[in-house]
Protein backbone atom coordinates (compact mmCIF):
# COMPACT_ATOMS: atom_id res chain seq x y z
CA MET A 1 -22.74 61.03 52.22
CA SER A 2 -21.05 60.70 55.74
CA ASN A 3 -23.84 62.28 58.02
CA ALA A 4 -27.03 60.64 56.05
CA PRO A 5 -30.11 60.97 57.97
CA ARG A 6 -31.44 57.93 59.90
CA ARG A 7 -35.35 56.80 59.22
CA VAL A 8 -37.09 55.20 61.60
CA VAL A 9 -40.50 53.74 61.00
CA ALA A 10 -43.02 52.57 63.20
CA GLY A 11 -45.84 50.24 62.55
CA LEU A 12 -47.51 47.21 63.94
CA ASP A 13 -46.02 43.85 65.23
CA ALA A 14 -47.77 40.63 64.57
CA ASP A 15 -49.48 41.15 67.59
CA GLY A 16 -50.76 44.38 66.80
CA ARG A 17 -48.21 46.30 69.24
CA SER A 18 -46.61 49.53 67.89
CA CYS A 19 -42.81 48.62 67.05
CA VAL A 20 -40.09 49.83 64.71
CA ILE A 21 -40.40 48.01 61.60
CA HIS A 22 -37.79 49.91 59.90
CA ASP A 23 -34.47 51.51 60.81
CA GLU A 24 -31.70 52.52 58.55
CA ARG A 25 -29.56 55.22 57.18
CA ILE A 26 -30.87 56.97 54.28
CA ALA A 27 -28.78 56.73 51.07
CA PHE A 28 -28.38 59.85 48.96
CA PRO A 29 -28.19 59.18 45.40
CA ALA A 30 -25.74 60.91 43.22
CA GLU A 31 -25.61 64.53 42.77
CA ILE A 32 -28.41 65.66 40.51
CA GLU A 33 -26.85 68.82 38.35
CA THR A 34 -26.51 70.91 41.86
CA MET A 35 -28.75 69.29 44.50
CA ALA A 36 -28.85 65.96 45.88
CA VAL A 37 -32.19 64.32 46.66
CA ALA A 38 -33.49 61.46 49.37
CA ASN A 39 -36.72 60.51 49.66
CA LEU A 40 -37.51 60.38 53.12
CA TRP A 41 -41.09 58.98 52.49
CA SER A 42 -43.90 58.71 50.06
CA GLY A 43 -47.54 57.06 50.44
CA ALA A 44 -50.29 56.84 48.05
CA ALA A 45 -53.23 59.27 48.31
CA ALA A 46 -56.35 57.49 49.48
CA GLY A 47 -58.73 60.74 49.58
CA PRO A 48 -59.14 64.30 48.59
CA VAL A 49 -55.96 66.40 47.69
CA ALA A 50 -54.93 69.24 49.47
CA ASP A 51 -56.96 72.78 48.78
CA ASN A 52 -54.68 75.35 47.75
CA ALA A 53 -57.42 77.61 47.35
CA ALA A 54 -58.44 77.28 50.85
CA PRO A 55 -58.51 80.46 52.94
CA LEU A 56 -55.47 81.25 54.48
CA ALA A 57 -57.22 81.54 57.99
CA GLU A 58 -57.25 77.51 57.89
CA GLY A 59 -53.54 77.19 57.04
CA LEU A 60 -52.71 79.71 60.09
CA ALA A 61 -55.19 77.96 62.47
CA PRO A 62 -53.65 77.32 65.64
CA PHE A 63 -52.76 73.79 66.83
CA SER A 64 -55.63 71.79 68.48
CA MET A 65 -55.65 67.90 69.14
CA GLU A 66 -58.69 67.88 67.55
CA ARG A 67 -57.48 68.76 64.02
CA LEU A 68 -55.68 65.55 64.20
CA PHE A 69 -58.80 63.49 64.26
CA GLY A 70 -60.65 65.40 61.39
CA PRO A 71 -59.69 65.48 57.67
CA PHE A 72 -56.73 68.05 58.21
CA TYR A 73 -52.84 67.64 57.99
CA SER A 74 -50.65 69.86 59.62
CA PHE A 75 -47.29 70.99 59.36
CA MET A 76 -45.64 71.95 62.70
CA PHE A 77 -42.50 72.96 64.64
CA VAL A 78 -42.56 70.90 67.73
CA GLU A 79 -40.04 72.00 70.83
CA TYR A 80 -39.87 69.07 73.98
CA ALA A 81 -38.90 70.59 77.01
CA PRO A 82 -35.99 68.76 78.92
CA GLY A 83 -37.52 66.30 81.22
CA LEU A 84 -41.27 66.44 79.14
CA GLY A 85 -42.65 62.66 79.22
CA ARG A 86 -40.72 61.69 81.98
CA ASP A 87 -43.37 60.53 84.37
CA ASP A 88 -46.10 60.09 81.55
CA PRO A 89 -44.92 60.25 77.82
CA GLY A 90 -48.52 60.94 76.63
CA MET A 91 -49.61 57.41 74.75
CA HIS A 92 -51.82 58.33 71.88
CA PHE A 93 -53.28 56.91 68.85
CA THR A 94 -54.52 58.58 65.84
CA ASN A 95 -55.48 57.33 62.14
CA THR A 96 -52.69 59.67 60.83
CA ALA A 97 -49.39 59.22 59.34
CA ASP A 98 -46.95 61.36 61.35
CA HIS A 99 -43.66 62.44 59.70
CA PHE A 100 -41.07 64.00 61.95
CA PHE A 101 -37.34 65.42 61.80
CA VAL A 102 -35.44 66.06 64.48
CA LEU A 103 -33.78 69.58 64.31
CA GLU A 104 -32.03 69.62 67.44
CA GLY A 105 -31.56 67.77 70.55
CA GLU A 106 -32.85 64.01 71.15
CA VAL A 107 -36.14 62.93 72.24
CA VAL A 108 -37.46 59.29 73.09
CA LEU A 109 -39.84 57.87 70.38
CA VAL A 110 -41.72 55.48 73.15
CA LEU A 111 -43.80 52.39 71.72
CA GLU A 112 -45.53 49.72 73.16
CA SER A 113 -42.39 47.37 72.38
CA GLY A 114 -39.72 49.67 73.35
CA ASP A 115 -38.40 53.08 73.12
CA VAL A 116 -35.96 54.69 70.33
CA VAL A 117 -33.50 57.49 70.79
CA MET A 118 -33.64 59.83 67.96
CA ARG A 119 -31.20 62.41 67.58
CA ALA A 120 -31.01 65.47 65.12
CA GLY A 121 -31.02 64.67 61.79
CA ASP A 122 -33.10 61.42 62.33
CA VAL A 123 -36.27 60.81 60.53
CA GLY A 124 -39.70 59.41 61.86
CA ILE A 125 -42.62 57.93 60.51
CA CYS A 126 -45.40 56.79 62.86
CA ARG A 127 -48.14 55.26 60.59
CA GLY A 128 -50.95 55.11 62.91
CA VAL A 129 -49.47 53.43 66.04
CA MET A 130 -49.75 53.91 69.66
CA HIS A 131 -46.86 56.20 70.80
CA GLY A 132 -45.89 58.89 72.91
CA TRP A 133 -42.55 61.13 73.51
CA ARG A 134 -39.98 61.78 76.46
CA ASN A 135 -37.16 64.21 76.09
CA ASP A 136 -34.65 62.59 78.78
CA SER A 137 -32.12 65.04 78.19
CA ASP A 138 -31.32 68.64 79.90
CA ARG A 139 -31.69 70.27 76.53
CA PRO A 140 -35.00 71.33 74.33
CA ALA A 141 -35.64 68.81 71.81
CA ARG A 142 -36.72 70.42 68.52
CA LEU A 143 -38.76 68.93 65.64
CA LEU A 144 -40.55 69.57 62.38
CA THR A 145 -43.29 67.35 62.22
CA PHE A 146 -45.86 66.48 59.41
CA VAL A 147 -49.11 65.04 60.21
CA LEU A 148 -51.70 63.79 57.47
CA PRO A 149 -55.03 61.76 57.87
CA ALA A 150 -54.24 58.11 56.94
CA ALA A 151 -56.18 54.67 56.64
CA PRO A 152 -55.33 52.39 59.56
CA VAL A 153 -52.58 50.13 59.17
CA ALA A 154 -52.51 46.25 59.64
CA SER A 155 -50.52 44.28 62.03
CA GLY A 156 -47.06 43.49 60.79
CA GLY A 157 -46.69 46.75 58.81
C-alpha cells in the first residue's frame, strides 16, 4: 500500500524518560476477500472487560480529565487549534494506553526526549508516558483518540 499509515510508539528509555521506541510504516497484508486489515496495536487485557450492558448515559458522559484517572476507557474526537501548546504543550502523565489516529493536519507529540511531528494518516500509541501536544501549523489538527486504563510501563519499553 503506497500510502500506508505510520505507527509511532512512545515508551520509556533506559533512564525512564518518555521517548519514541518504535517508528515505522504499517504493512498491509494481502487482501482478505474484499478487505485489507492491518493491526494498528493490540495488547493483553489486564482487568475486567468493557460492560456492554452499562447504561447509555455512561457512554454519553462528557469528557473530563478525571475520567482518565478512573476505571474508564474513552473514544474521543480531538481538535487542536493552530498554535495550541506553543507556549505550554500541557505535559501530562496517566496510567493509560493512549491510541490516536491523525485524521487531518499535523500535530507535534512532545516527549521528554524530543518531539515527533505526526501527520494525517499517522497512528500513535503512548504507553503510559509523560507527553504533551503542540500544533505548530496554521490549520487545525483533528485526531481520533482511544484511551484505556493500563498498568505502568517499565523503562526501556
